[in-house]
Amino acid sequence: MRLGELAAARRTHKEFRGEAVDRDTVLELLAVARFAPNHHLTQPWRFRVLGPQTLARLQECAGPSEATKLERAPTLVVASVALAGELVQDEEDVCAGAAAIMLVLLAATERGLASYWRTPGVLRTARGRDAAGVPHGERVLGLLHFGAPVREPARRERAGASQYVTFLE
């Protein structure tokens, strides 16, 4: 499949089957992140694959309504970026981290896996970050959900390039 087709095929899934993505496949998906562009090859992205004990701690911090959302997918990965403490480099690294996440999502799509990138409020709290093992000095970019799809979400129309591209003279 060509990149444009792969990008068009990617969907946000909110329903997953119960079986977890095996460890080797998760590692293969996350290994694709290394190809994201990043200034000075800082490779600032960090991925933490949640196990059952970590998930339970995170759910406890989240509260009942948010905890239920953390059960949507059988495989959850916290995506973050290690910050250098220098404004320009940190901005570059956050963008590189987002690019890395997109590559991972495309790799999941290529394998027929369902995925969802969301940023739950619990990962913006000190307790939630601590429960997920995110140290001070890292910015959480989201929680990635992976698993087998229950069904294919409907395709949603998106604006064409002419809506957001300007050619300057």
C-alpha atoms as a PDB file:
ATOM      1  CA  MET A   1       0.000   0.000   0.000  1.00  0.00           C
ATOM      2  CA  ARG A   2       1.314   3.458  -0.870  1.00  0.00           C
ATOM      3  CA  LEU A   3       1.715   6.063   1.870  1.00  0.00           C
ATOM      4  CA  GLY A   4      -1.256   8.166   0.726  1.00  0.00           C
ATOM      5  CA  GLU A   5      -3.491   5.098   0.732  1.00  0.00           C
ATOM      6  CA  LEU A   6      -2.201   4.053   4.136  1.00  0.00           C
ATOM      7  CA  ALA A   7      -2.824   7.526   5.578  1.00  0.00           C
ATOM      8  CA  ALA A   8      -6.342   7.539   4.101  1.00  0.00           C
ATOM      9  CA  ALA A   9      -7.022   4.095   5.590  1.00  0.00           C
ATOM     10  CA  ARG A  10      -6.019   5.113   9.139  1.00  0.00           C
ATOM     11  CA  ARG A  11      -9.002   5.597  11.430  1.00  0.00           C
ATOM     12  CA  THR A  12      -9.611   6.450  15.062  1.00  0.00           C
ATOM     13  CA  HIS A  13     -11.061   3.349  16.690  1.00  0.00           C
ATOM     14  CA  LYS A  14     -12.917   3.453  19.977  1.00  0.00           C
ATOM     15  CA  GLU A  15     -13.865  -0.232  20.086  1.00  0.00           C
ATOM     16  CA  PHE A  16     -11.341  -3.046  20.270  1.00  0.00           C
ATOM     17  CA  ARG A  17     -11.445  -6.792  20.647  1.00  0.00           C
ATOM     18  CA  GLY A  18     -10.130  -8.216  23.910  1.00  0.00           C
ATOM     19  CA  GLU A  19      -6.837  -9.790  22.864  1.00  0.00           C
ATOM     20  CA  ALA A  20      -3.693  -7.776  23.572  1.00  0.00           C
ATOM     21  CA  VAL A  21      -1.183  -7.007  20.847  1.00  0.00           C
ATOM     22  CA  ASP A  22       1.793  -9.296  21.404  1.00  0.00           C
ATOM     23  CA  ARG A  23       5.033  -7.833  22.744  1.00  0.00           C
ATOM     24  CA  ASP A  24       7.051  -8.394  19.547  1.00  0.00           C
ATOM     25  CA  THR A  25       4.455  -6.621  17.431  1.00  0.00           C
ATOM     26  CA  VAL A  26       4.333  -3.693  19.868  1.00  0.00           C
ATOM     27  CA  LEU A  27       8.125  -3.419  19.665  1.00  0.00           C
ATOM     28  CA  GLU A  28       7.994  -3.513  15.859  1.00  0.00           C
ATOM     29  CA  LEU A  29       5.368  -0.758  15.799  1.00  0.00           C
ATOM     30  CA  LEU A  30       7.304   1.451  18.199  1.00  0.00           C
ATOM     31  CA  ALA A  31      10.583   0.815  16.358  1.00  0.00           C
ATOM     32  CA  VAL A  32       9.167   2.715  13.380  1.00  0.00           C
ATOM     33  CA  ALA A  33       9.287   5.892  15.512  1.00  0.00           C
ATOM     34  CA  ARG A  34      13.044   6.097  14.992  1.00  0.00           C
ATOM     35  CA  PHE A  35      12.454   7.210  11.397  1.00  0.00           C
ATOM     36  CA  ALA A  36      10.652  10.395  12.421  1.00  0.00           C
ATOM     37  CA  PRO A  37      12.523  13.595  11.616  1.00  0.00           C
ATOM     38  CA  ASN A  38      14.133  15.084  14.708  1.00  0.00           C
ATOM     39  CA  HIS A  39      16.516  17.992  15.092  1.00  0.00           C
ATOM     40  CA  HIS A  40      20.067  16.898  15.985  1.00  0.00           C
ATOM     41  CA  LEU A  41      18.847  13.267  16.170  1.00  0.00           C
ATOM     42  CA  THR A  42      17.706  13.768  19.748  1.00  0.00           C
ATOM     43  CA  GLN A  43      15.157  10.938  19.426  1.00  0.00           C
ATOM     44  CA  PRO A  44      13.180  12.530  22.263  1.00  0.00           C
ATOM     45  CA  TRP A  45      10.169  10.191  22.170  1.00  0.00           C
ATOM     46  CA  ARG A  46       9.516   7.788  24.998  1.00  0.00           C
ATOM     47  CA  PHE A  47       6.960   4.981  25.005  1.00  0.00           C
ATOM     48  CA  ARG A  48       5.711   3.128  28.095  1.00  0.00           C
ATOM     49  CA  VAL A  49       3.631   0.027  27.451  1.00  0.00           C
ATOM     50  CA  LEU A  50       1.192  -0.352  30.332  1.00  0.00           C
ATOM     51  CA  GLY A  51       0.948  -3.659  32.131  1.00  0.00           C
ATOM     52  CA  PRO A  52      -2.008  -4.664  34.322  1.00  0.00           C
ATOM     53  CA  GLN A  53      -0.586  -3.274  37.580  1.00  0.00           C
ATOM     54  CA  THR A  54       0.300   0.070  36.021  1.00  0.00           C
ATOM     55  CA  LEU A  55      -3.104   0.264  34.351  1.00  0.00           C
ATOM     56  CA  ALA A  56      -4.814  -0.410  37.707  1.00  0.00           C
ATOM     57  CA  ARG A  57      -2.793   2.392  39.377  1.00  0.00           C
ATOM     58  CA  LEU A  58      -3.637   4.769  36.538  1.00  0.00           C
ATOM     59  CA  GLN A  59      -7.339   3.873  36.731  1.00  0.00           C
ATOM     60  CA  GLU A  60      -7.307   4.507  40.470  1.00  0.00           C
ATOM     61  CA  CYS A  61      -5.900   7.989  39.846  1.00  0.00           C
ATOM     62  CA  ALA A  62      -8.357   8.641  37.027  1.00  0.00           C
ATOM     63  CA  GLY A  63     -11.592   8.070  38.870  1.00  0.00           C
ATOM     64  CA  PRO A  64     -14.565   5.934  37.790  1.00  0.00           C
ATOM     65  CA  SER A  65     -15.678   7.654  34.572  1.00  0.00           C
ATOM     66  CA  GLU A  66     -12.175   8.052  33.144  1.00  0.00           C
ATOM     67  CA  ALA A  67     -11.118   4.586  34.349  1.00  0.00           C
ATOM     68  CA  THR A  68     -13.736   2.999  32.088  1.00  0.00           C
ATOM     69  CA  LYS A  69     -12.248   4.730  29.045  1.00  0.00           C
ATOM     70  CA  LEU A  70      -8.863   3.225  29.932  1.00  0.00           C
ATOM     71  CA  GLU A  71     -10.404  -0.217  29.379  1.00  0.00           C
ATOM     72  CA  ARG A  72     -11.308   0.382  25.727  1.00  0.00           C
ATOM     73  CA  ALA A  73      -8.205  -1.226  24.249  1.00  0.00           C
ATOM     74  CA  PRO A  74      -6.214  -4.243  25.375  1.00  0.00           C
ATOM     75  CA  THR A  75      -2.853  -2.571  24.703  1.00  0.00           C
ATOM     76  CA  LEU A  76      -2.084   0.940  25.954  1.00  0.00           C
ATOM     77  CA  VAL A  77       1.099   2.939  25.428  1.00  0.00           C
ATOM     78  CA  VAL A  78       1.922   6.271  27.052  1.00  0.00           C
ATOM     79  CA  ALA A  79       3.770   8.458  24.536  1.00  0.00           C
ATOM     80  CA  SER A  80       5.907  11.287  25.851  1.00  0.00           C
ATOM     81  CA  VAL A  81       8.875  13.445  24.932  1.00  0.00           C
ATOM     82  CA  ALA A  82      11.983  14.074  27.021  1.00  0.00           C
ATOM     83  CA  LEU A  83      12.459  17.824  27.240  1.00  0.00           C
ATOM     84  CA  ALA A  84      15.863  19.490  27.201  1.00  0.00           C
ATOM     85  CA  GLY A  85      14.734  22.647  29.000  1.00  0.00           C
ATOM     86  CA  GLU A  86      15.576  24.881  26.029  1.00  0.00           C
ATOM     87  CA  LEU A  87      12.514  26.446  24.383  1.00  0.00           C
ATOM     88  CA  VAL A  88      13.423  26.010  20.713  1.00  0.00           C
ATOM     89  CA  GLN A  89      14.777  22.481  21.141  1.00  0.00           C
ATOM     90  CA  ASP A  90      11.743  21.481  23.214  1.00  0.00           C
ATOM     91  CA  GLU A  91       9.377  22.781  20.526  1.00  0.00           C
ATOM     92  CA  GLU A  92      11.302  20.814  17.898  1.00  0.00           C
ATOM     93  CA  ASP A  93      11.241  17.698  20.063  1.00  0.00           C
ATOM     94  CA  VAL A  94       7.495  17.881  20.748  1.00  0.00           C
ATOM     95  CA  CYS A  95       6.874  18.110  17.010  1.00  0.00           C
ATOM     96  CA  ALA A  96       9.264  15.204  16.417  1.00  0.00           C
ATOM     97  CA  GLY A  97       7.401  13.191  19.034  1.00  0.00           C
ATOM     98  CA  ALA A  98       4.089  13.836  17.278  1.00  0.00           C
ATOM     99  CA  ALA A  99       5.646  12.781  13.968  1.00  0.00           C
ATOM    100  CA  ALA A 100       6.927   9.601  15.621  1.00  0.00           C
ATOM    101  CA  ILE A 101       3.446   8.831  16.961  1.00  0.00           C
ATOM    102  CA  MET A 102       1.946   9.268  13.508  1.00  0.00           C
ATOM    103  CA  LEU A 103       4.448   6.809  12.059  1.00  0.00           C
ATOM    104  CA  VAL A 104       3.529   4.304  14.772  1.00  0.00           C
ATOM    105  CA  LEU A 105      -0.188   4.740  14.027  1.00  0.00           C
ATOM    106  CA  LEU A 106       0.454   4.200  10.318  1.00  0.00           C
ATOM    107  CA  ALA A 107       2.481   1.076  11.101  1.00  0.00           C
ATOM    108  CA  ALA A 108      -0.471  -0.230  13.136  1.00  0.00           C
ATOM    109  CA  THR A 109      -2.853   0.506  10.260  1.00  0.00           C
ATOM    110  CA  GLU A 110      -0.556  -1.297   7.842  1.00  0.00           C
ATOM    111  CA  ARG A 111      -0.782  -4.400  10.073  1.00  0.00           C
ATOM    112  CA  GLY A 112      -4.569  -4.233  10.263  1.00  0.00           C
ATOM    113  CA  LEU A 113      -4.583  -3.108  13.901  1.00  0.00           C
ATOM    114  CA  ALA A 114      -7.020  -0.587  15.303  1.00  0.00           C
ATOM    115  CA  SER A 115      -5.563   2.463  17.023  1.00  0.00           C
ATOM    116  CA  TYR A 116      -6.623   5.557  18.913  1.00  0.00           C
ATOM    117  CA  TRP A 117      -4.493   8.543  20.037  1.00  0.00           C
ATOM    118  CA  ARG A 118      -6.019  10.418  22.936  1.00  0.00           C
ATOM    119  CA  THR A 119      -4.790  12.469  25.864  1.00  0.00           C
ATOM    120  CA  PRO A 120      -6.689  11.542  29.012  1.00  0.00           C
ATOM    121  CA  GLY A 121      -6.802  14.154  31.743  1.00  0.00           C
ATOM    122  CA  VAL A 122      -5.267  11.770  34.268  1.00  0.00           C
ATOM    123  CA  LEU A 123      -1.944  11.979  32.401  1.00  0.00           C
ATOM    124  CA  ARG A 124      -1.933  15.733  33.000  1.00  0.00           C
ATOM    125  CA  THR A 125      -1.908  15.210  36.770  1.00  0.00           C
ATOM    126  CA  ALA A 126       1.104  14.529  38.971  1.00  0.00           C
ATOM    127  CA  ARG A 127      -0.539  11.372  40.383  1.00  0.00           C
ATOM    128  CA  GLY A 128      -1.379  10.022  36.933  1.00  0.00           C
ATOM    129  CA  ARG A 129       2.079  10.765  35.559  1.00  0.00           C
ATOM    130  CA  ASP A 130       3.617   9.069  38.578  1.00  0.00           C
ATOM    131  CA  ALA A 131       1.351   6.029  38.166  1.00  0.00           C
ATOM    132  CA  ALA A 132       2.453   5.739  34.523  1.00  0.00           C
ATOM    133  CA  GLY A 133       6.135   6.190  35.353  1.00  0.00           C
ATOM    134  CA  VAL A 134       6.504   9.512  33.544  1.00  0.00           C
ATOM    135  CA  PRO A 135       9.322  11.474  35.178  1.00  0.00           C
ATOM    136  CA  HIS A 136       9.572  15.220  35.643  1.00  0.00           C
ATOM    137  CA  GLY A 137      11.070  16.713  32.496  1.00  0.00           C
ATOM    138  CA  GLU A 138       8.904  14.779  30.053  1.00  0.00           C
ATOM    139  CA  ARG A 139       5.805  16.027  28.290  1.00  0.00           C
ATOM    140  CA  VAL A 140       3.030  13.508  27.760  1.00  0.00           C
ATOM    141  CA  LEU A 141       1.737  13.622  24.184  1.00  0.00           C
ATOM    142  CA  GLY A 142      -0.938  11.010  24.599  1.00  0.00           C
ATOM    143  CA  LEU A 143      -2.106   7.530  25.325  1.00  0.00           C
ATOM    144  CA  LEU A 144      -2.045   5.222  22.326  1.00  0.00           C
ATOM    145  CA  HIS A 145      -4.630   2.444  22.176  1.00  0.00           C
ATOM    146  CA  PHE A 146      -3.974  -0.666  20.072  1.00  0.00           C
ATOM    147  CA  GLY A 147      -5.853  -3.874  19.394  1.00  0.00           C
ATOM    148  CA  ALA A 148      -7.862  -5.813  16.881  1.00  0.00           C
ATOM    149  CA  PRO A 149     -10.748  -3.799  15.458  1.00  0.00           C
ATOM    150  CA  VAL A 150     -14.341  -4.622  16.299  1.00  0.00           C
ATOM    151  CA  ARG A 151     -15.481  -2.831  13.144  1.00  0.00           C
ATOM    152  CA  GLU A 152     -14.149  -0.254  10.731  1.00  0.00           C
ATOM    153  CA  PRO A 153     -15.218   3.286  11.690  1.00  0.00           C
ATOM    154  CA  ALA A 154     -16.976   5.279   8.990  1.00  0.00           C
ATOM    155  CA  ARG A 155     -14.798   7.428   6.818  1.00  0.00           C
ATOM    156  CA  ARG A 156     -15.173  11.117   7.599  1.00  0.00           C
ATOM    157  CA  GLU A 157     -14.724  13.736   4.941  1.00  0.00           C
ATOM    158  CA  ARG A 158     -11.750  16.008   5.365  1.00  0.00           C
ATOM    159  CA  ALA A 159     -10.980  19.354   3.797  1.00  0.00           C
ATOM    160  CA  GLY A 160      -9.012  19.226   0.559  1.00  0.00           C
ATOM    161  CA  ALA A 161      -5.533  20.698   0.354  1.00  0.00           C
ATOM    162  CA  SER A 162      -6.872  23.827  -1.334  1.00  0.00           C
ATOM    163  CA  GLN A 163      -8.546  24.694   1.989  1.00  0.00           C
ATOM    164  CA  TYR A 164      -5.295  24.908   3.949  1.00  0.00           C
ATOM    165  CA  VAL A 165      -2.495  25.466   1.414  1.00  0.00           C
ATOM    166  CA  THR A 166      -1.368  28.896   0.206  1.00  0.00           C
ATOM    167  CA  PHE A 167       1.226  29.376  -2.503  1.00  0.00           C
ATOM    168  CA  LEU A 168       3.225  32.544  -1.837  1.00  0.00           C
ATOM    169  CA  GLU A 169       4.973  34.592  -4.492  1.00  0.00           C
END
